[in-house]
C-alpha atoms as a PDB file:
ATOM      1  CA  MET A   1      54.666  63.697 -20.856  1.00  0.00           C
ATOM      2  CA  LYS A   2      53.378  67.300 -20.775  1.00  0.00           C
ATOM      3  CA  ARG A   3      56.780  68.716 -21.454  1.00  0.00           C
ATOM      4  CA  PHE A   4      57.348  66.096 -24.211  1.00  0.00           C
ATOM      5  CA  SER A   5      54.198  67.513 -25.707  1.00  0.00           C
ATOM      6  CA  VAL A   6      55.135  71.119 -25.783  1.00  0.00           C
ATOM      7  CA  ALA A   7      58.416  70.268 -26.990  1.00  0.00           C
ATOM      8  CA  LEU A   8      57.066  68.667 -29.998  1.00  0.00           C
ATOM      9  CA  ALA A   9      54.549  71.562 -30.534  1.00  0.00           C
ATOM     10  CA  LEU A  10      57.397  74.063 -30.469  1.00  0.00           C
ATOM     11  CA  LEU A  11      59.254  71.754 -32.700  1.00  0.00           C
ATOM     12  CA  LEU A  12      56.681  71.597 -35.303  1.00  0.00           C
ATOM     13  CA  THR A  13      55.929  75.474 -35.118  1.00  0.00           C
ATOM     14  CA  VAL A  14      59.545  76.158 -35.892  1.00  0.00           C
ATOM     15  CA  SER A  15      59.623  73.814 -38.678  1.00  0.00           C
ATOM     16  CA  ALA A  16      56.493  75.116 -40.258  1.00  0.00           C
ATOM     17  CA  THR A  17      58.125  78.587 -40.096  1.00  0.00           C
ATOM     18  CA  ALA A  18      61.062  77.684 -41.673  1.00  0.00           C
ATOM     19  CA  GLN A  19      59.591  76.215 -44.592  1.00  0.00           C
ATOM     20  CA  ASP A  20      57.817  79.294 -45.130  1.00  0.00           C
ATOM     21  CA  LYS A  21      60.826  81.273 -45.450  1.00  0.00           C
ATOM     22  CA  ALA A  22      62.524  78.647 -47.796  1.00  0.00           C
ATOM     23  CA  LEU A  23      60.100  79.844 -50.952  1.00  0.00           C
ATOM     24  CA  ALA A  24      61.882  80.397 -54.194  1.00  0.00           C
ATOM     25  CA  PRO A  25      62.201  84.039 -55.240  1.00  0.00           C
ATOM     26  CA  THR A  26      60.343  83.426 -58.726  1.00  0.00           C
ATOM     27  CA  PRO A  27      58.514  80.421 -59.802  1.00  0.00           C
ATOM     28  CA  PRO A  28      60.296  77.898 -62.417  1.00  0.00           C
ATOM     29  CA  MET A  29      61.009  80.014 -65.528  1.00  0.00           C
ATOM     30  CA  GLY A  30      61.499  78.482 -68.743  1.00  0.00           C
ATOM     31  CA  TRP A  31      60.792  78.035 -72.762  1.00  0.00           C
ATOM     32  CA  ASN A  32      58.674  75.064 -73.708  1.00  0.00           C
ATOM     33  CA  SER A  33      58.648  74.051 -77.388  1.00  0.00           C
ATOM     34  CA  TRP A  34      54.848  73.478 -77.343  1.00  0.00           C
ATOM     35  CA  ASP A  35      53.886  77.349 -77.357  1.00  0.00           C
ATOM     36  CA  ALA A  36      55.444  77.951 -80.418  1.00  0.00           C
ATOM     37  CA  TYR A  37      55.660  74.666 -82.586  1.00  0.00           C
ATOM     38  CA  GLY A  38      53.194  72.425 -81.086  1.00  0.00           C
ATOM     39  CA  PRO A  39      54.444  68.670 -81.670  1.00  0.00           C
ATOM     40  CA  THR A  40      56.592  69.462 -84.571  1.00  0.00           C
ATOM     41  CA  VAL A  41      59.732  71.041 -83.071  1.00  0.00           C
ATOM     42  CA  ASN A  42      62.846  69.587 -84.437  1.00  0.00           C
ATOM     43  CA  GLU A  43      66.617  69.826 -83.075  1.00  0.00           C
ATOM     44  CA  ALA A  44      67.615  73.070 -85.123  1.00  0.00           C
ATOM     45  CA  GLN A  45      64.593  74.807 -84.116  1.00  0.00           C
ATOM     46  CA  PHE A  46      65.012  73.732 -80.273  1.00  0.00           C
ATOM     47  CA  ARG A  47      68.774  74.815 -80.139  1.00  0.00           C
ATOM     48  CA  ALA A  48      68.066  78.221 -81.980  1.00  0.00           C
ATOM     49  CA  ASN A  49      65.703  78.957 -79.026  1.00  0.00           C
ATOM     50  CA  THR A  50      67.866  77.589 -76.364  1.00  0.00           C
ATOM     51  CA  VAL A  51      70.658  79.865 -77.591  1.00  0.00           C
ATOM     52  CA  VAL A  52      68.331  82.990 -77.509  1.00  0.00           C
ATOM     53  CA  LEU A  53      67.118  82.098 -74.009  1.00  0.00           C
ATOM     54  CA  ALA A  54      70.832  81.401 -72.865  1.00  0.00           C
ATOM     55  CA  ALA A  55      72.098  84.751 -74.242  1.00  0.00           C
ATOM     56  CA  GLN A  56      69.053  87.085 -73.318  1.00  0.00           C
ATOM     57  CA  LEU A  57      66.934  85.442 -70.503  1.00  0.00           C
ATOM     58  CA  LYS A  58      69.299  83.443 -68.533  1.00  0.00           C
ATOM     59  CA  GLU A  59      70.337  86.493 -66.246  1.00  0.00           C
ATOM     60  CA  PHE A  60      66.824  87.055 -65.421  1.00  0.00           C
ATOM     61  CA  GLY A  61      66.019  83.743 -64.279  1.00  0.00           C
ATOM     62  CA  TRP A  62      65.141  81.989 -67.077  1.00  0.00           C
ATOM     63  CA  GLU A  63      66.742  78.626 -66.769  1.00  0.00           C
ATOM     64  CA  TYR A  64      64.456  75.752 -68.420  1.00  0.00           C
ATOM     65  CA  VAL A  65      64.272  74.480 -72.093  1.00  0.00           C
ATOM     66  CA  VAL A  66      61.602  71.881 -72.705  1.00  0.00           C
ATOM     67  CA  ILE A  67      60.711  69.499 -75.870  1.00  0.00           C
ATOM     68  CA  ASP A  68      57.043  69.109 -75.363  1.00  0.00           C
ATOM     69  CA  GLU A  69      54.676  66.212 -76.644  1.00  0.00           C
ATOM     70  CA  GLY A  70      55.403  64.679 -80.056  1.00  0.00           C
ATOM     71  CA  TRP A  71      59.188  64.184 -80.219  1.00  0.00           C
ATOM     72  CA  TYR A  72      58.980  60.449 -80.875  1.00  0.00           C
ATOM     73  CA  LEU A  73      56.718  61.069 -83.888  1.00  0.00           C
ATOM     74  CA  GLN A  74      58.560  60.938 -87.340  1.00  0.00           C
ATOM     75  CA  ASN A  75      55.556  62.957 -89.014  1.00  0.00           C
ATOM     76  CA  PRO A  76      53.747  65.052 -86.326  1.00  0.00           C
ATOM     77  CA  GLU A  77      52.276  66.972 -89.007  1.00  0.00           C
ATOM     78  CA  ASN A  78      49.873  64.074 -89.328  1.00  0.00           C
ATOM     79  CA  MET A  79      48.429  64.366 -85.779  1.00  0.00           C
ATOM     80  CA  SER A  80      44.981  64.647 -87.126  1.00  0.00           C
ATOM     81  CA  MET A  81      45.233  61.392 -88.849  1.00  0.00           C
ATOM     82  CA  PRO A  82      46.371  59.020 -85.882  1.00  0.00           C
ATOM     83  CA  GLN A  83      46.461  55.831 -88.178  1.00  0.00           C
ATOM     84  CA  ALA A  84      48.863  57.610 -90.479  1.00  0.00           C
ATOM     85  CA  LEU A  85      51.453  58.474 -87.688  1.00  0.00           C
ATOM     86  CA  HIS A  86      55.053  56.888 -87.618  1.00  0.00           C
ATOM     87  CA  TYR A  87      56.361  56.420 -83.944  1.00  0.00           C
ATOM     88  CA  THR A  88      60.085  55.677 -82.958  1.00  0.00           C
ATOM     89  CA  VAL A  89      59.873  52.967 -80.414  1.00  0.00           C
ATOM     90  CA  ASN A  90      62.803  50.645 -79.314  1.00  0.00           C
ATOM     91  CA  LEU A  91      62.745  46.975 -78.812  1.00  0.00           C
ATOM     92  CA  ARG A  92      61.957  47.600 -75.048  1.00  0.00           C
ATOM     93  CA  GLY A  93      58.872  49.519 -76.132  1.00  0.00           C
ATOM     94  CA  GLN A  94      59.853  52.881 -75.255  1.00  0.00           C
ATOM     95  CA  TYR A  95      59.491  56.009 -76.893  1.00  0.00           C
ATOM     96  CA  GLU A  96      62.736  57.462 -78.495  1.00  0.00           C
ATOM     97  CA  PRO A  97      63.467  60.942 -80.081  1.00  0.00           C
ATOM     98  CA  ALA A  98      62.612  60.810 -83.635  1.00  0.00           C
ATOM     99  CA  PRO A  99      66.042  60.506 -85.662  1.00  0.00           C
ATOM    100  CA  ASN A 100      64.550  62.439 -88.946  1.00  0.00           C
ATOM    101  CA  ARG A 101      63.823  65.656 -86.361  1.00  0.00           C
ATOM    102  CA  PHE A 102      66.761  65.251 -83.600  1.00  0.00           C
ATOM    103  CA  PRO A 103      69.686  64.028 -85.881  1.00  0.00           C
ATOM    104  CA  SER A 104      72.073  63.819 -82.778  1.00  0.00           C
ATOM    105  CA  SER A 105      69.711  61.149 -81.172  1.00  0.00           C
ATOM    106  CA  ALA A 106      70.868  58.686 -83.961  1.00  0.00           C
ATOM    107  CA  THR A 107      72.419  55.506 -83.338  1.00  0.00           C
ATOM    108  CA  GLY A 108      70.760  55.196 -79.894  1.00  0.00           C
ATOM    109  CA  ARG A 109      72.015  58.024 -78.336  1.00  0.00           C
ATOM    110  CA  GLY A 110      68.752  59.580 -77.459  1.00  0.00           C
ATOM    111  CA  PHE A 111      68.534  63.143 -76.021  1.00  0.00           C
ATOM    112  CA  LYS A 112      72.014  62.754 -74.294  1.00  0.00           C
ATOM    113  CA  PRO A 113      74.002  64.872 -76.857  1.00  0.00           C
ATOM    114  CA  LEU A 114      71.051  67.458 -76.753  1.00  0.00           C
ATOM    115  CA  SER A 115      71.086  67.906 -73.255  1.00  0.00           C
ATOM    116  CA  ASP A 116      74.824  68.140 -72.783  1.00  0.00           C
ATOM    117  CA  ALA A 117      74.531  71.180 -75.233  1.00  0.00           C
ATOM    118  CA  VAL A 118      71.661  72.688 -73.105  1.00  0.00           C
ATOM    119  CA  HIS A 119      73.735  72.026 -69.884  1.00  0.00           C
ATOM    120  CA  ASP A 120      76.817  73.520 -71.801  1.00  0.00           C
ATOM    121  CA  ASP A 121      74.726  76.844 -72.229  1.00  0.00           C
ATOM    122  CA  GLY A 122      74.000  76.693 -68.295  1.00  0.00           C
ATOM    123  CA  LEU A 123      70.301  75.897 -68.826  1.00  0.00           C
ATOM    124  CA  ARG A 124      68.235  73.027 -67.790  1.00  0.00           C
ATOM    125  CA  PHE A 125      66.957  70.366 -70.144  1.00  0.00           C
ATOM    126  CA  GLY A 126      63.331  68.682 -69.938  1.00  0.00           C
ATOM    127  CA  ILE A 127      60.977  66.447 -71.987  1.00  0.00           C
ATOM    128  CA  HIS A 128      57.482  66.098 -71.847  1.00  0.00           C
ATOM    129  CA  MET A 129      57.152  62.238 -70.717  1.00  0.00           C
ATOM    130  CA  LEU A 130      53.917  60.240 -71.138  1.00  0.00           C
ATOM    131  CA  ARG A 131      52.512  57.934 -68.445  1.00  0.00           C
ATOM    132  CA  GLY A 132      51.860  54.501 -68.899  1.00  0.00           C
ATOM    133  CA  ILE A 133      52.293  52.183 -72.148  1.00  0.00           C
ATOM    134  CA  PRO A 134      52.430  53.835 -75.437  1.00  0.00           C
ATOM    135  CA  LYS A 135      48.980  53.770 -77.214  1.00  0.00           C
ATOM    136  CA  LYS A 136      50.580  52.737 -80.358  1.00  0.00           C
ATOM    137  CA  LEU A 137      52.256  49.393 -78.493  1.00  0.00           C
ATOM    138  CA  SER A 138      48.719  48.377 -76.971  1.00  0.00           C
ATOM    139  CA  SER A 139      47.234  48.118 -80.485  1.00  0.00           C
ATOM    140  CA  PRO A 140      46.553  44.760 -81.992  1.00  0.00           C
ATOM    141  CA  THR A 141      48.265  45.478 -85.024  1.00  0.00           C
ATOM    142  CA  HIS A 142      51.591  46.638 -83.733  1.00  0.00           C
ATOM    143  CA  THR A 143      54.233  44.417 -84.620  1.00  0.00           C
ATOM    144  CA  SER A 144      57.438  46.140 -84.205  1.00  0.00           C
ATOM    145  CA  ALA A 145      57.741  45.625 -80.104  1.00  0.00           C
ATOM    146  CA  PRO A 146      57.600  42.137 -78.204  1.00  0.00           C
ATOM    147  CA  ARG A 147      54.172  40.626 -77.743  1.00  0.00           C
ATOM    148  CA  THR A 148      54.434  40.533 -74.209  1.00  0.00           C
ATOM    149  CA  ILE A 149      53.986  44.496 -73.896  1.00  0.00           C
ATOM    150  CA  ALA A 150      50.252  44.148 -75.096  1.00  0.00           C
ATOM    151  CA  PRO A 151      48.022  43.734 -72.167  1.00  0.00           C
ATOM    152  CA  ALA A 152      46.760  40.086 -71.616  1.00  0.00           C
ATOM    153  CA  TRP A 153      43.061  40.978 -72.099  1.00  0.00           C
ATOM    154  CA  ARG A 154      44.006  41.697 -75.652  1.00  0.00           C
ATOM    155  CA  GLN A 155      45.755  38.585 -76.392  1.00  0.00           C
ATOM    156  CA  THR A 156      42.868  35.995 -75.302  1.00  0.00           C
ATOM    157  CA  PRO A 157      39.266  36.414 -74.747  1.00  0.00           C
ATOM    158  CA  PRO A 158      37.999  35.857 -71.030  1.00  0.00           C
ATOM    159  CA  THR A 159      36.541  32.594 -70.060  1.00  0.00           C
ATOM    160  CA  PRO A 160      33.451  32.364 -68.342  1.00  0.00           C
ATOM    161  CA  ALA A 161      33.451  31.020 -65.032  1.00  0.00           C
ATOM    162  CA  PRO A 162      31.734  27.654 -64.598  1.00  0.00           C
ATOM    163  CA  GLY A 163      28.167  28.219 -64.288  1.00  0.00           C
ATOM    164  CA  THR A 164      27.859  31.884 -65.709  1.00  0.00           C
ATOM    165  CA  ARG A 165      25.238  32.501 -68.270  1.00  0.00           C
ATOM    166  CA  THR A 166      26.675  34.462 -71.280  1.00  0.00           C
ATOM    167  CA  THR A 167      24.701  36.611 -73.465  1.00  0.00           C
ATOM    168  CA  SER A 168      25.392  37.662 -76.869  1.00  0.00           C
ATOM    169  CA  ALA A 169      24.230  41.116 -78.117  1.00  0.00           C
END
């Protein structure tokens, strides 16, 4: 049993040492659209920045180009008026690229044509993803997505348990 414990300790030490030597030579390096455009970047602006990054910075380790938050908004200039925003959402309730800003995404192609162009430049493509159910879909006034997407607690008020007192505010 003692030999097993010594062997296990030695194996764990060697494994930990090997992980320390596997560090990347640089942190992940790339360009994110938010820093220059906020939520308003469009396909032409994104491609222009991708071309510059591929031509001038790729050789120094820059490899990522990322479309940040708001790519699904048709009118991101109205961010200060949330009630005026127009979202691009498919029938499954998922965000899709706004075709007025990302024309290559028209006819349901999504970001595939744009990501292919980025990959052809020898770079890696990324997008900012949101967690959970899109807030627009959980709105009681939203009608373009199936009703089953709305949380159950929004559809019917809770029924008090028998013998429970209710109070009104």
